[in-house]
């Protein structure tokens, strides 16, 4: 009888220590996922700003500004 109670006690003690560890691990995973998404978003914004805006400037604005400078001279 004592062995059965001891087994239940050990199971509940180990289960109660596993559950908080699982939730802490889950919370840590969500925080890590948030930072990965945040870093990906900022790197995509940088890529968009430098490449796409630079391409728009090179293709459309720079020839217009160059023509305007020639016209002013």
Protein backbone atom coordinates (compact mmCIF):
# COMPACT_ATOMS: atom_id res chain seq x y z
CA UNK A 1 0.00 0.00 0.00
CA UNK A 2 2.80 2.41 0.82
CA UNK A 3 4.59 1.60 -2.45
CA UNK A 4 1.43 2.49 -4.46
CA UNK A 5 1.12 5.83 -2.67
CA UNK A 6 4.81 6.48 -3.18
CA UNK A 7 4.48 5.82 -6.92
CA UNK A 8 1.56 8.24 -7.17
CA UNK A 9 3.50 10.84 -5.16
CA UNK A 10 6.57 10.51 -7.41
CA UNK A 11 4.38 10.71 -10.54
CA UNK A 12 2.54 13.82 -9.36
CA UNK A 13 5.77 15.49 -8.25
CA UNK A 14 7.49 14.80 -11.56
CA UNK A 15 4.37 15.74 -13.54
CA UNK A 16 4.01 19.03 -11.68
CA UNK A 17 7.63 19.89 -12.44
CA UNK A 18 7.33 18.85 -16.11
CA UNK A 19 4.24 20.95 -16.86
CA UNK A 20 5.74 24.33 -15.87
CA UNK A 21 8.92 23.41 -17.74
CA UNK A 22 6.82 22.62 -20.82
CA UNK A 23 5.01 25.97 -20.60
CA UNK A 24 8.29 27.81 -20.07
CA UNK A 25 9.72 26.05 -23.12
CA UNK A 26 6.60 26.95 -25.12
CA UNK A 27 6.82 30.59 -24.03
CA UNK A 28 10.51 30.66 -24.92
CA UNK A 29 9.70 29.23 -28.36
CA UNK A 30 7.06 31.90 -28.99
CA UNK A 31 9.44 34.66 -27.92
CA UNK A 32 12.11 33.26 -30.23
CA UNK A 33 9.62 33.03 -33.07
CA UNK A 34 8.58 36.65 -32.48
CA UNK A 35 12.18 37.85 -32.72
CA UNK A 36 12.81 35.78 -35.86
CA UNK A 37 9.74 37.31 -37.52
CA UNK A 38 10.75 40.79 -36.34
CA UNK A 39 14.28 40.40 -37.74
CA UNK A 40 12.92 39.01 -41.00
CA UNK A 41 10.54 41.95 -41.30
CA UNK A 42 13.26 44.53 -40.69
CA UNK A 43 15.65 42.85 -43.13
CA UNK A 44 12.90 42.74 -45.77
CA UNK A 45 12.19 46.43 -45.17
CA UNK A 46 15.88 47.21 -45.61
CA UNK A 47 16.01 45.14 -48.79
CA UNK A 48 12.88 46.85 -50.08
CA UNK A 49 14.21 50.30 -49.25
CA UNK A 50 17.66 49.90 -50.77
CA UNK A 51 16.90 47.76 -53.80
CA UNK A 52 13.40 48.69 -54.90
CA UNK A 53 13.60 52.37 -54.04
CA UNK A 54 17.06 52.53 -55.58
CA UNK A 55 15.75 50.86 -58.72
CA UNK A 56 12.85 53.31 -58.95
CA UNK A 57 15.27 56.20 -58.51
CA UNK A 58 17.69 54.85 -61.14
CA UNK A 59 14.99 54.13 -63.71
CA UNK A 60 12.61 57.05 -63.32
CA UNK A 61 13.84 59.92 -61.18
CA UNK A 62 17.48 60.13 -62.15
CA UNK A 63 16.84 60.56 -65.92
CA UNK A 64 14.21 63.18 -65.10
CA UNK A 65 16.62 65.08 -62.84
CA UNK A 66 19.37 64.77 -65.42
CA UNK A 67 17.10 66.23 -68.13
CA UNK A 68 16.09 69.04 -65.78
CA UNK A 69 19.76 69.86 -65.07
CA UNK A 70 20.51 69.97 -68.80
CA UNK A 71 17.49 72.22 -69.40
CA UNK A 72 18.60 74.62 -66.64
CA UNK A 73 22.06 74.97 -68.16
